[in-house]
mmCIF file of all heavy atoms, coordinates in Angstrom:
data_MODEL
# 
_entry.id   MODEL 
# 
loop_
_atom_site.group_PDB 
_atom_site.id 
_atom_site.type_symbol 
_atom_site.label_atom_id 
_atom_site.label_alt_id 
_atom_site.label_comp_id 
_atom_site.label_asym_id 
_atom_site.label_entity_id 
_atom_site.label_seq_id 
_atom_site.pdbx_PDB_ins_code 
_atom_site.Cartn_x 
_atom_site.Cartn_y 
_atom_site.Cartn_z 
_atom_site.occupancy 
_atom_site.B_iso_or_equiv 
_atom_site.pdbx_formal_charge 
_atom_site.auth_seq_id 
_atom_site.auth_comp_id 
_atom_site.auth_asym_id 
_atom_site.auth_atom_id 
_atom_site.pdbx_PDB_model_num 
ATOM 1   N N   . LYS A 1 1  ? 0.845  -1.193  0.000  1.00 0.00 ? 1  LYS A N   1 
ATOM 2   C CA  . LYS A 1 1  ? 0.000  0.000   0.000  1.00 0.00 ? 1  LYS A CA  1 
ATOM 3   C C   . LYS A 1 1  ? 0.877  1.238   0.000  1.00 0.00 ? 1  LYS A C   1 
ATOM 4   O O   . LYS A 1 1  ? 2.047  1.199   0.372  1.00 0.00 ? 1  LYS A O   1 
ATOM 5   C CB  . LYS A 1 1  ? -0.940 -0.009  1.198  1.00 0.00 ? 1  LYS A CB  1 
ATOM 6   C CG  . LYS A 1 1  ? -0.218 -0.028  2.532  1.00 0.00 ? 1  LYS A CG  1 
ATOM 7   C CD  . LYS A 1 1  ? -1.177 -0.156  3.684  1.00 0.00 ? 1  LYS A CD  1 
ATOM 8   C CE  . LYS A 1 1  ? -0.369 -0.268  4.967  1.00 0.00 ? 1  LYS A CE  1 
ATOM 9   N NZ  . LYS A 1 1  ? -1.179 -0.482  6.120  1.00 0.00 ? 1  LYS A NZ  1 
ATOM 10  N N   . GLU A 1 2  ? 0.289  2.316   -0.417 1.00 0.00 ? 2  GLU A N   1 
ATOM 11  C CA  . GLU A 1 2  ? 0.970  3.607   -0.446 1.00 0.00 ? 2  GLU A CA  1 
ATOM 12  C C   . GLU A 1 2  ? 1.208  4.070   0.990  1.00 0.00 ? 2  GLU A C   1 
ATOM 13  O O   . GLU A 1 2  ? 0.311  4.017   1.831  1.00 0.00 ? 2  GLU A O   1 
ATOM 14  C CB  . GLU A 1 2  ? 0.101  4.627   -1.171 1.00 0.00 ? 2  GLU A CB  1 
ATOM 15  C CG  . GLU A 1 2  ? 0.773  5.936   -1.443 1.00 0.00 ? 2  GLU A CG  1 
ATOM 16  C CD  . GLU A 1 2  ? 1.664  5.891   -2.663 1.00 0.00 ? 2  GLU A CD  1 
ATOM 17  O OE1 . GLU A 1 2  ? 1.351  5.159   -3.599 1.00 0.00 ? 2  GLU A OE1 1 
ATOM 18  O OE2 . GLU A 1 2  ? 2.684  6.596   -2.658 1.00 0.00 ? 2  GLU A OE2 1 
ATOM 19  N N   . VAL A 1 3  ? 2.429  4.474   1.293  1.00 0.00 ? 3  VAL A N   1 
ATOM 20  C CA  . VAL A 1 3  ? 2.757  4.980   2.625  1.00 0.00 ? 3  VAL A CA  1 
ATOM 21  C C   . VAL A 1 3  ? 2.753  6.496   2.571  1.00 0.00 ? 3  VAL A C   1 
ATOM 22  O O   . VAL A 1 3  ? 3.467  7.094   1.776  1.00 0.00 ? 3  VAL A O   1 
ATOM 23  C CB  . VAL A 1 3  ? 4.137  4.458   3.089  1.00 0.00 ? 3  VAL A CB  1 
ATOM 24  C CG1 . VAL A 1 3  ? 4.466  5.025   4.460  1.00 0.00 ? 3  VAL A CG1 1 
ATOM 25  C CG2 . VAL A 1 3  ? 4.154  2.956   3.102  1.00 0.00 ? 3  VAL A CG2 1 
ATOM 26  N N   . LYS A 1 4  ? 1.919  7.099   3.385  1.00 0.00 ? 4  LYS A N   1 
ATOM 27  C CA  . LYS A 1 4  ? 1.834  8.556   3.413  1.00 0.00 ? 4  LYS A CA  1 
ATOM 28  C C   . LYS A 1 4  ? 2.973  9.124   4.241  1.00 0.00 ? 4  LYS A C   1 
ATOM 29  O O   . LYS A 1 4  ? 3.459  8.491   5.169  1.00 0.00 ? 4  LYS A O   1 
ATOM 30  C CB  . LYS A 1 4  ? 0.484  8.971   3.981  1.00 0.00 ? 4  LYS A CB  1 
ATOM 31  C CG  . LYS A 1 4  ? -0.688 8.402   3.197  1.00 0.00 ? 4  LYS A CG  1 
ATOM 32  C CD  . LYS A 1 4  ? -1.852 9.326   3.242  1.00 0.00 ? 4  LYS A CD  1 
ATOM 33  C CE  . LYS A 1 4  ? -3.078 8.767   2.662  1.00 0.00 ? 4  LYS A CE  1 
ATOM 34  N NZ  . LYS A 1 4  ? -3.298 8.312   1.468  1.00 0.00 ? 4  LYS A NZ  1 
ATOM 35  N N   . ILE A 1 5  ? 3.400  10.310  3.921  1.00 0.00 ? 5  ILE A N   1 
ATOM 36  C CA  . ILE A 1 5  ? 4.491  10.960  4.638  1.00 0.00 ? 5  ILE A CA  1 
ATOM 37  C C   . ILE A 1 5  ? 4.116  11.091  6.109  1.00 0.00 ? 5  ILE A C   1 
ATOM 38  O O   . ILE A 1 5  ? 3.024  11.533  6.459  1.00 0.00 ? 5  ILE A O   1 
ATOM 39  C CB  . ILE A 1 5  ? 4.797  12.347  4.022  1.00 0.00 ? 5  ILE A CB  1 
ATOM 40  C CG1 . ILE A 1 5  ? 5.292  12.170  2.594  1.00 0.00 ? 5  ILE A CG1 1 
ATOM 41  C CG2 . ILE A 1 5  ? 5.820  13.100  4.857  1.00 0.00 ? 5  ILE A CG2 1 
ATOM 42  C CD1 . ILE A 1 5  ? 5.483  13.457  1.837  1.00 0.00 ? 5  ILE A CD1 1 
ATOM 43  N N   . GLY A 1 6  ? 5.015  10.676  6.989  1.00 0.00 ? 6  GLY A N   1 
ATOM 44  C CA  . GLY A 1 6  ? 4.786  10.737  8.418  1.00 0.00 ? 6  GLY A CA  1 
ATOM 45  C C   . GLY A 1 6  ? 4.217  9.459   9.012  1.00 0.00 ? 6  GLY A C   1 
ATOM 46  O O   . GLY A 1 6  ? 4.190  9.297   10.219 1.00 0.00 ? 6  GLY A O   1 
ATOM 47  N N   . ASN A 1 7  ? 3.755  8.550   8.175  1.00 0.00 ? 7  ASN A N   1 
ATOM 48  C CA  . ASN A 1 7  ? 3.212  7.279   8.658  1.00 0.00 ? 7  ASN A CA  1 
ATOM 49  C C   . ASN A 1 7  ? 4.247  6.183   8.475  1.00 0.00 ? 7  ASN A C   1 
ATOM 50  O O   . ASN A 1 7  ? 4.981  6.162   7.498  1.00 0.00 ? 7  ASN A O   1 
ATOM 51  C CB  . ASN A 1 7  ? 1.944  6.889   7.905  1.00 0.00 ? 7  ASN A CB  1 
ATOM 52  C CG  . ASN A 1 7  ? 0.771  7.792   8.227  1.00 0.00 ? 7  ASN A CG  1 
ATOM 53  O OD1 . ASN A 1 7  ? 0.822  8.562   9.161  1.00 0.00 ? 7  ASN A OD1 1 
ATOM 54  N ND2 . ASN A 1 7  ? -0.275 7.702   7.438  1.00 0.00 ? 7  ASN A ND2 1 
ATOM 55  N N   . ASP A 1 8  ? 4.284  5.285   9.406  1.00 0.00 ? 8  ASP A N   1 
ATOM 56  C CA  . ASP A 1 8  ? 5.146  4.114   9.274  1.00 0.00 ? 8  ASP A CA  1 
ATOM 57  C C   . ASP A 1 8  ? 4.361  2.996   8.606  1.00 0.00 ? 8  ASP A C   1 
ATOM 58  O O   . ASP A 1 8  ? 3.206  2.766   8.932  1.00 0.00 ? 8  ASP A O   1 
ATOM 59  C CB  . ASP A 1 8  ? 5.632  3.627   10.648 1.00 0.00 ? 8  ASP A CB  1 
ATOM 60  C CG  . ASP A 1 8  ? 6.614  4.590   11.275 1.00 0.00 ? 8  ASP A CG  1 
ATOM 61  O OD1 . ASP A 1 8  ? 7.304  5.301   10.526 1.00 0.00 ? 8  ASP A OD1 1 
ATOM 62  O OD2 . ASP A 1 8  ? 6.682  4.628   12.521 1.00 0.00 ? 8  ASP A OD2 1 
ATOM 63  N N   . ASP A 1 9  ? 5.010  2.318   7.688  1.00 0.00 ? 9  ASP A N   1 
ATOM 64  C CA  . ASP A 1 9  ? 4.364  1.165   7.064  1.00 0.00 ? 9  ASP A CA  1 
ATOM 65  C C   . ASP A 1 9  ? 4.708  -0.055  7.888  1.00 0.00 ? 9  ASP A C   1 
ATOM 66  O O   . ASP A 1 9  ? 5.877  -0.376  8.074  1.00 0.00 ? 9  ASP A O   1 
ATOM 67  C CB  . ASP A 1 9  ? 4.844  1.000   5.621  1.00 0.00 ? 9  ASP A CB  1 
ATOM 68  C CG  . ASP A 1 9  ? 4.061  -0.061  4.882  1.00 0.00 ? 9  ASP A CG  1 
ATOM 69  O OD1 . ASP A 1 9  ? 3.036  -0.524  5.392  1.00 0.00 ? 9  ASP A OD1 1 
ATOM 70  O OD2 . ASP A 1 9  ? 4.488  -0.435  3.794  1.00 0.00 ? 9  ASP A OD2 1 
ATOM 71  N N   . ASN A 1 10 ? 3.724  -0.755  8.393  1.00 0.00 ? 10 ASN A N   1 
ATOM 72  C CA  . ASN A 1 10 ? 3.994  -1.899  9.248  1.00 0.00 ? 10 ASN A CA  1 
ATOM 73  C C   . ASN A 1 10 ? 3.866  -3.229  8.503  1.00 0.00 ? 10 ASN A C   1 
ATOM 74  O O   . ASN A 1 10 ? 3.931  -4.279  9.106  1.00 0.00 ? 10 ASN A O   1 
ATOM 75  C CB  . ASN A 1 10 ? 3.089  -1.888  10.480 1.00 0.00 ? 10 ASN A CB  1 
ATOM 76  C CG  . ASN A 1 10 ? 1.623  -1.793  10.117 1.00 0.00 ? 10 ASN A CG  1 
ATOM 77  O OD1 . ASN A 1 10 ? 1.253  -1.872  8.958  1.00 0.00 ? 10 ASN A OD1 1 
ATOM 78  N ND2 . ASN A 1 10 ? 0.790  -1.609  11.114 1.00 0.00 ? 10 ASN A ND2 1 
ATOM 79  N N   . HIS A 1 11 ? 3.704  -3.185  7.191  1.00 0.00 ? 11 HIS A N   1 
ATOM 80  C CA  . HIS A 1 11 ? 3.694  -4.385  6.345  1.00 0.00 ? 11 HIS A CA  1 
ATOM 81  C C   . HIS A 1 11 ? 2.719  -5.449  6.830  1.00 0.00 ? 11 HIS A C   1 
ATOM 82  O O   . HIS A 1 11 ? 3.048  -6.618  6.906  1.00 0.00 ? 11 HIS A O   1 
ATOM 83  C CB  . HIS A 1 11 ? 5.110  -4.965  6.225  1.00 0.00 ? 11 HIS A CB  1 
ATOM 84  C CG  . HIS A 1 11 ? 6.071  -4.017  5.598  1.00 0.00 ? 11 HIS A CG  1 
ATOM 85  N ND1 . HIS A 1 11 ? 6.036  -3.714  4.258  1.00 0.00 ? 11 HIS A ND1 1 
ATOM 86  C CD2 . HIS A 1 11 ? 7.082  -3.294  6.129  1.00 0.00 ? 11 HIS A CD2 1 
ATOM 87  C CE1 . HIS A 1 11 ? 7.002  -2.847  3.984  1.00 0.00 ? 11 HIS A CE1 1 
ATOM 88  N NE2 . HIS A 1 11 ? 7.632  -2.570  5.092  1.00 0.00 ? 11 HIS A NE2 1 
ATOM 89  N N   . ASN A 1 12 ? 1.501  -5.044  7.137  1.00 0.00 ? 12 ASN A N   1 
ATOM 90  C CA  . ASN A 1 12 ? 0.497  -5.991  7.627  1.00 0.00 ? 12 ASN A CA  1 
ATOM 91  C C   . ASN A 1 12 ? 0.164  -7.084  6.618  1.00 0.00 ? 12 ASN A C   1 
ATOM 92  O O   . ASN A 1 12 ? -0.121 -8.209  7.005  1.00 0.00 ? 12 ASN A O   1 
ATOM 93  C CB  . ASN A 1 12 ? -0.783 -5.261  8.020  1.00 0.00 ? 12 ASN A CB  1 
ATOM 94  C CG  . ASN A 1 12 ? -0.637 -4.524  9.323  1.00 0.00 ? 12 ASN A CG  1 
ATOM 95  O OD1 . ASN A 1 12 ? 0.212  -4.878  10.138 1.00 0.00 ? 12 ASN A OD1 1 
ATOM 96  N ND2 . ASN A 1 12 ? -1.420 -3.489  9.512  1.00 0.00 ? 12 ASN A ND2 1 
ATOM 97  N N   . ILE A 1 13 ? 0.187  -6.766  5.326  1.00 0.00 ? 13 ILE A N   1 
ATOM 98  C CA  . ILE A 1 13 ? -0.167 -7.767  4.310  1.00 0.00 ? 13 ILE A CA  1 
ATOM 99  C C   . ILE A 1 13 ? 0.836  -8.915  4.345  1.00 0.00 ? 13 ILE A C   1 
ATOM 100 O O   . ILE A 1 13 ? 0.461  -10.084 4.380  1.00 0.00 ? 13 ILE A O   1 
ATOM 101 C CB  . ILE A 1 13 ? -0.238 -7.118  2.915  1.00 0.00 ? 13 ILE A CB  1 
ATOM 102 C CG1 . ILE A 1 13 ? -1.393 -6.116  2.853  1.00 0.00 ? 13 ILE A CG1 1 
ATOM 103 C CG2 . ILE A 1 13 ? -0.386 -8.194  1.830  1.00 0.00 ? 13 ILE A CG2 1 
ATOM 104 C CD1 . ILE A 1 13 ? -1.371 -5.225  1.622  1.00 0.00 ? 13 ILE A CD1 1 
ATOM 105 N N   . ALA A 1 14 ? 2.116  -8.591  4.339  1.00 0.00 ? 14 ALA A N   1 
ATOM 106 C CA  . ALA A 1 14 ? 3.138  -9.648  4.368  1.00 0.00 ? 14 ALA A CA  1 
ATOM 107 C C   . ALA A 1 14 ? 3.189  -10.328 5.731  1.00 0.00 ? 14 ALA A C   1 
ATOM 108 O O   . ALA A 1 14 ? 3.274  -11.550 5.813  1.00 0.00 ? 14 ALA A O   1 
ATOM 109 C CB  . ALA A 1 14 ? 4.511  -9.072  4.019  1.00 0.00 ? 14 ALA A CB  1 
ATOM 110 N N   . LYS A 1 15 ? 3.119  -9.544  6.784  1.00 0.00 ? 15 LYS A N   1 
ATOM 111 C CA  . LYS A 1 15 ? 3.262  -10.088 8.140  1.00 0.00 ? 15 LYS A CA  1 
ATOM 112 C C   . LYS A 1 15 ? 2.127  -11.026 8.518  1.00 0.00 ? 15 LYS A C   1 
ATOM 113 O O   . LYS A 1 15 ? 2.356  -12.090 9.103  1.00 0.00 ? 15 LYS A O   1 
ATOM 114 C CB  . LYS A 1 15 ? 3.340  -8.929  9.128  1.00 0.00 ? 15 LYS A CB  1 
ATOM 115 C CG  . LYS A 1 15 ? 3.604  -9.342  10.553 1.00 0.00 ? 15 LYS A CG  1 
ATOM 116 C CD  . LYS A 1 15 ? 3.769  -8.105  11.424 1.00 0.00 ? 15 LYS A CD  1 
ATOM 117 C CE  . LYS A 1 15 ? 4.113  -8.458  12.845 1.00 0.00 ? 15 LYS A CE  1 
ATOM 118 N NZ  . LYS A 1 15 ? 4.291  -7.263  13.679 1.00 0.00 ? 15 LYS A NZ  1 
ATOM 119 N N   . TYR A 1 16 ? 0.897  -10.655 8.179  1.00 0.00 ? 16 TYR A N   1 
ATOM 120 C CA  . TYR A 1 16 ? -0.251 -11.425 8.641  1.00 0.00 ? 16 TYR A CA  1 
ATOM 121 C C   . TYR A 1 16 ? -0.907 -12.288 7.566  1.00 0.00 ? 16 TYR A C   1 
ATOM 122 O O   . TYR A 1 16 ? -1.792 -13.078 7.879  1.00 0.00 ? 16 TYR A O   1 
ATOM 123 C CB  . TYR A 1 16 ? -1.305 -10.489 9.244  1.00 0.00 ? 16 TYR A CB  1 
ATOM 124 C CG  . TYR A 1 16 ? -0.790 -9.777  10.470 1.00 0.00 ? 16 TYR A CG  1 
ATOM 125 C CD1 . TYR A 1 16 ? -0.552 -8.410  10.456 1.00 0.00 ? 16 TYR A CD1 1 
ATOM 126 C CD2 . TYR A 1 16 ? -0.522 -10.494 11.628 1.00 0.00 ? 16 TYR A CD2 1 
ATOM 127 C CE1 . TYR A 1 16 ? -0.066 -7.768  11.576 1.00 0.00 ? 16 TYR A CE1 1 
ATOM 128 C CE2 . TYR A 1 16 ? -0.028 -9.848  12.758 1.00 0.00 ? 16 TYR A CE2 1 
ATOM 129 C CZ  . TYR A 1 16 ? 0.196  -8.489  12.719 1.00 0.00 ? 16 TYR A CZ  1 
ATOM 130 O OH  . TYR A 1 16 ? 0.685  -7.850  13.826 1.00 0.00 ? 16 TYR A OH  1 
ATOM 131 N N   . HIS A 1 17 ? -0.476 -12.149 6.326  1.00 0.00 ? 17 HIS A N   1 
ATOM 132 C CA  . HIS A 1 17 ? -1.135 -12.912 5.271  1.00 0.00 ? 17 HIS A CA  1 
ATOM 133 C C   . HIS A 1 17 ? -0.144 -13.709 4.406  1.00 0.00 ? 17 HIS A C   1 
ATOM 134 O O   . HIS A 1 17 ? -0.250 -14.926 4.315  1.00 0.00 ? 17 HIS A O   1 
ATOM 135 C CB  . HIS A 1 17 ? -1.969 -11.960 4.404  1.00 0.00 ? 17 HIS A CB  1 
ATOM 136 C CG  . HIS A 1 17 ? -2.891 -12.642 3.455  1.00 0.00 ? 17 HIS A CG  1 
ATOM 137 N ND1 . HIS A 1 17 ? -3.842 -13.550 3.849  1.00 0.00 ? 17 HIS A ND1 1 
ATOM 138 C CD2 . HIS A 1 17 ? -3.003 -12.559 2.115  1.00 0.00 ? 17 HIS A CD2 1 
ATOM 139 C CE1 . HIS A 1 17 ? -4.498 -13.992 2.802  1.00 0.00 ? 17 HIS A CE1 1 
ATOM 140 N NE2 . HIS A 1 17 ? -4.001 -13.416 1.731  1.00 0.00 ? 17 HIS A NE2 1 
ATOM 141 N N   . ILE A 1 18 ? 0.816  -13.028 3.799  1.00 0.00 ? 18 ILE A N   1 
ATOM 142 C CA  . ILE A 1 18 ? 1.707  -13.704 2.857  1.00 0.00 ? 18 ILE A CA  1 
ATOM 143 C C   . ILE A 1 18 ? 2.653  -14.675 3.566  1.00 0.00 ? 18 ILE A C   1 
ATOM 144 O O   . ILE A 1 18 ? 2.715  -15.859 3.221  1.00 0.00 ? 18 ILE A O   1 
ATOM 145 C CB  . ILE A 1 18 ? 2.482  -12.686 2.005  1.00 0.00 ? 18 ILE A CB  1 
ATOM 146 C CG1 . ILE A 1 18 ? 1.509  -11.912 1.108  1.00 0.00 ? 18 ILE A CG1 1 
ATOM 147 C CG2 . ILE A 1 18 ? 3.544  -13.395 1.159  1.00 0.00 ? 18 ILE A CG2 1 
ATOM 148 C CD1 . ILE A 1 18 ? 2.138  -10.783 0.314  1.00 0.00 ? 18 ILE A CD1 1 
ATOM 149 N N   . ILE A 1 19 ? 3.406  -14.207 4.549  1.00 0.00 ? 19 ILE A N   1 
ATOM 150 C CA  . ILE A 1 19 ? 4.383  -15.069 5.239  1.00 0.00 ? 19 ILE A CA  1 
ATOM 151 C C   . ILE A 1 19 ? 3.699  -16.254 5.920  1.00 0.00 ? 19 ILE A C   1 
ATOM 152 O O   . ILE A 1 19 ? 4.154  -17.392 5.775  1.00 0.00 ? 19 ILE A O   1 
ATOM 153 C CB  . ILE A 1 19 ? 5.248  -14.255 6.226  1.00 0.00 ? 19 ILE A CB  1 
ATOM 154 C CG1 . ILE A 1 19 ? 6.086  -13.210 5.472  1.00 0.00 ? 19 ILE A CG1 1 
ATOM 155 C CG2 . ILE A 1 19 ? 6.122  -15.169 7.069  1.00 0.00 ? 19 ILE A CG2 1 
ATOM 156 C CD1 . ILE A 1 19 ? 7.133  -13.767 4.530  1.00 0.00 ? 19 ILE A CD1 1 
ATOM 157 N N   . PRO A 1 20 ? 2.589  -16.072 6.650  1.00 0.00 ? 20 PRO A N   1 
ATOM 158 C CA  . PRO A 1 20 ? 1.920  -17.246 7.233  1.00 0.00 ? 20 PRO A CA  1 
ATOM 159 C C   . PRO A 1 20 ? 1.435  -18.247 6.176  1.00 0.00 ? 20 PRO A C   1 
ATOM 160 O O   . PRO A 1 20 ? 1.503  -19.455 6.397  1.00 0.00 ? 20 PRO A O   1 
ATOM 161 C CB  . PRO A 1 20 ? 0.738  -16.648 8.004  1.00 0.00 ? 20 PRO A CB  1 
ATOM 162 C CG  . PRO A 1 20 ? 1.170  -15.270 8.340  1.00 0.00 ? 20 PRO A CG  1 
ATOM 163 C CD  . PRO A 1 20 ? 1.986  -14.823 7.168  1.00 0.00 ? 20 PRO A CD  1 
ATOM 164 N N   . THR A 1 21 ? 0.985  -17.758 5.031  1.00 0.00 ? 21 THR A N   1 
ATOM 165 C CA  . THR A 1 21 ? 0.558  -18.667 3.966  1.00 0.00 ? 21 THR A CA  1 
ATOM 166 C C   . THR A 1 21 ? 1.743  -19.455 3.425  1.00 0.00 ? 21 THR A C   1 
ATOM 167 O O   . THR A 1 21 ? 1.642  -20.660 3.181  1.00 0.00 ? 21 THR A O   1 
ATOM 168 C CB  . THR A 1 21 ? -0.129 -17.890 2.827  1.00 0.00 ? 21 THR A CB  1 
ATOM 169 O OG1 . THR A 1 21 ? -1.262 -17.188 3.355  1.00 0.00 ? 21 THR A OG1 1 
ATOM 170 C CG2 . THR A 1 21 ? -0.580 -18.819 1.719  1.00 0.00 ? 21 THR A CG2 1 
ATOM 171 N N   . LEU A 1 22 ? 2.882  -18.785 3.252  1.00 0.00 ? 22 LEU A N   1 
ATOM 172 C CA  . LEU A 1 22 ? 4.079  -19.480 2.783  1.00 0.00 ? 22 LEU A CA  1 
ATOM 173 C C   . LEU A 1 22 ? 4.500  -20.558 3.784  1.00 0.00 ? 22 LEU A C   1 
ATOM 174 O O   . LEU A 1 22 ? 4.839  -21.680 3.395  1.00 0.00 ? 22 LEU A O   1 
ATOM 175 C CB  . LEU A 1 22 ? 5.224  -18.492 2.551  1.00 0.00 ? 22 LEU A CB  1 
ATOM 176 C CG  . LEU A 1 22 ? 5.009  -17.450 1.443  1.00 0.00 ? 22 LEU A CG  1 
ATOM 177 C CD1 . LEU A 1 22 ? 6.198  -16.504 1.380  1.00 0.00 ? 22 LEU A CD1 1 
ATOM 178 C CD2 . LEU A 1 22 ? 4.775  -18.106 0.111  1.00 0.00 ? 22 LEU A CD2 1 
ATOM 179 N N   . LYS A 1 23 ? 4.467  -20.227 5.061  1.00 0.00 ? 23 LYS A N   1 
ATOM 180 C CA  . LYS A 1 23 ? 4.826  -21.215 6.087  1.00 0.00 ? 23 LYS A CA  1 
ATOM 181 C C   . LYS A 1 23 ? 3.856  -22.386 6.089  1.00 0.00 ? 23 LYS A C   1 
ATOM 182 O O   . LYS A 1 23 ? 4.265  -23.535 6.217  1.00 0.00 ? 23 LYS A O   1 
ATOM 183 C CB  . LYS A 1 23 ? 4.864  -20.552 7.467  1.00 0.00 ? 23 LYS A CB  1 
ATOM 184 C CG  . LYS A 1 23 ? 6.067  -19.659 7.649  1.00 0.00 ? 23 LYS A CG  1 
ATOM 185 C CD  . LYS A 1 23 ? 6.092  -19.051 9.031  1.00 0.00 ? 23 LYS A CD  1 
ATOM 186 C CE  . LYS A 1 23 ? 7.306  -18.163 9.204  1.00 0.00 ? 23 LYS A CE  1 
ATOM 187 N NZ  . LYS A 1 23 ? 7.374  -17.574 10.539 1.00 0.00 ? 23 LYS A NZ  1 
ATOM 188 N N   . LYS A 1 24 ? 2.579  -22.108 5.943  1.00 0.00 ? 24 LYS A N   1 
ATOM 189 C CA  . LYS A 1 24 ? 1.567  -23.167 5.920  1.00 0.00 ? 24 LYS A CA  1 
ATOM 190 C C   . LYS A 1 24 ? 1.802  -24.105 4.738  1.00 0.00 ? 24 LYS A C   1 
ATOM 191 O O   . LYS A 1 24 ? 1.601  -25.306 4.844  1.00 0.00 ? 24 LYS A O   1 
ATOM 192 C CB  . LYS A 1 24 ? 0.178  -22.542 5.825  1.00 0.00 ? 24 LYS A CB  1 
ATOM 193 C CG  . LYS A 1 24 ? -0.949 -23.531 5.806  1.00 0.00 ? 24 LYS A CG  1 
ATOM 194 C CD  . LYS A 1 24 ? -2.285 -22.815 5.716  1.00 0.00 ? 24 LYS A CD  1 
ATOM 195 C CE  . LYS A 1 24 ? -3.421 -23.807 5.591  1.00 0.00 ? 24 LYS A CE  1 
ATOM 196 N NZ  . LYS A 1 24 ? -4.696 -23.134 5.388  1.00 0.00 ? 24 LYS A NZ  1 
ATOM 197 N N   . LYS A 1 25 ? 2.276  -23.562 3.625  1.00 0.00 ? 25 LYS A N   1 
ATOM 198 C CA  . LYS A 1 25 ? 2.548  -24.370 2.436  1.00 0.00 ? 25 LYS A CA  1 
ATOM 199 C C   . LYS A 1 25 ? 3.967  -24.943 2.448  1.00 0.00 ? 25 LYS A C   1 
ATOM 200 O O   . LYS A 1 25 ? 4.404  -25.504 1.459  1.00 0.00 ? 25 LYS A O   1 
ATOM 201 C CB  . LYS A 1 25 ? 2.338  -23.527 1.177  1.00 0.00 ? 25 LYS A CB  1 
ATOM 202 C CG  . LYS A 1 25 ? 0.902  -23.147 0.931  1.00 0.00 ? 25 LYS A CG  1 
ATOM 203 C CD  . LYS A 1 25 ? 0.796  -22.316 -0.332 1.00 0.00 ? 25 LYS A CD  1 
ATOM 204 C CE  . LYS A 1 25 ? -0.638 -22.179 -0.746 1.00 0.00 ? 25 LYS A CE  1 
ATOM 205 N NZ  . LYS A 1 25 ? -1.177 -23.400 -1.313 1.00 0.00 ? 25 LYS A NZ  1 
ATOM 206 N N   . ARG A 1 26 ? 4.679  -24.759 3.555  1.00 0.00 ? 26 ARG A N   1 
ATOM 207 C CA  . ARG A 1 26 ? 6.055  -25.237 3.718  1.00 0.00 ? 26 ARG A CA  1 
ATOM 208 C C   . ARG A 1 26 ? 7.016  -24.649 2.684  1.00 0.00 ? 26 ARG A C   1 
ATOM 209 O O   . ARG A 1 26 ? 7.950  -25.298 2.238  1.00 0.00 ? 26 ARG A O   1 
ATOM 210 C CB  . ARG A 1 26 ? 6.116  -26.752 3.661  1.00 0.00 ? 26 ARG A CB  1 
ATOM 211 C CG  . ARG A 1 26 ? 5.383  -27.446 4.767  1.00 0.00 ? 26 ARG A CG  1 
ATOM 212 C CD  . ARG A 1 26 ? 5.597  -28.916 4.664  1.00 0.00 ? 26 ARG A CD  1 
ATOM 213 N NE  . ARG A 1 26 ? 4.717  -29.627 5.577  1.00 0.00 ? 26 ARG A NE  1 
ATOM 214 C CZ  . ARG A 1 26 ? 4.637  -30.923 5.618  1.00 0.00 ? 26 ARG A CZ  1 
ATOM 215 N NH1 . ARG A 1 26 ? 5.355  -31.663 4.824  1.00 0.00 ? 26 ARG A NH1 1 
ATOM 216 N NH2 . ARG A 1 26 ? 3.830  -31.498 6.468  1.00 0.00 ? 26 ARG A NH2 1 
ATOM 217 N N   . ILE A 1 27 ? 6.782  -23.414 2.317  1.00 0.00 ? 27 ILE A N   1 
ATOM 218 C CA  . ILE A 1 27 ? 7.669  -22.715 1.388  1.00 0.00 ? 27 ILE A CA  1 
ATOM 219 C C   . ILE A 1 27 ? 8.717  -21.996 2.214  1.00 0.00 ? 27 ILE A C   1 
ATOM 220 O O   . ILE A 1 27 ? 8.396  -21.117 3.010  1.00 0.00 ? 27 ILE A O   1 
ATOM 221 C CB  . ILE A 1 27 ? 6.883  -21.740 0.501  1.00 0.00 ? 27 ILE A CB  1 
ATOM 222 C CG1 . ILE A 1 27 ? 5.904  -22.509 -0.378 1.00 0.00 ? 27 ILE A CG1 1 
ATOM 223 C CG2 . ILE A 1 27 ? 7.829  -20.892 -0.333 1.00 0.00 ? 27 ILE A CG2 1 
ATOM 224 C CD1 . ILE A 1 27 ? 4.971  -21.639 -1.193 1.00 0.00 ? 27 ILE A CD1 1 
# 
């Protein structure tokens, strides 16, 4: 997602969706 100036991007998509899916698939 677009990060607005002054906001921190916490990478919720990768942290809570992509990486757990990869782990579940043993990737």
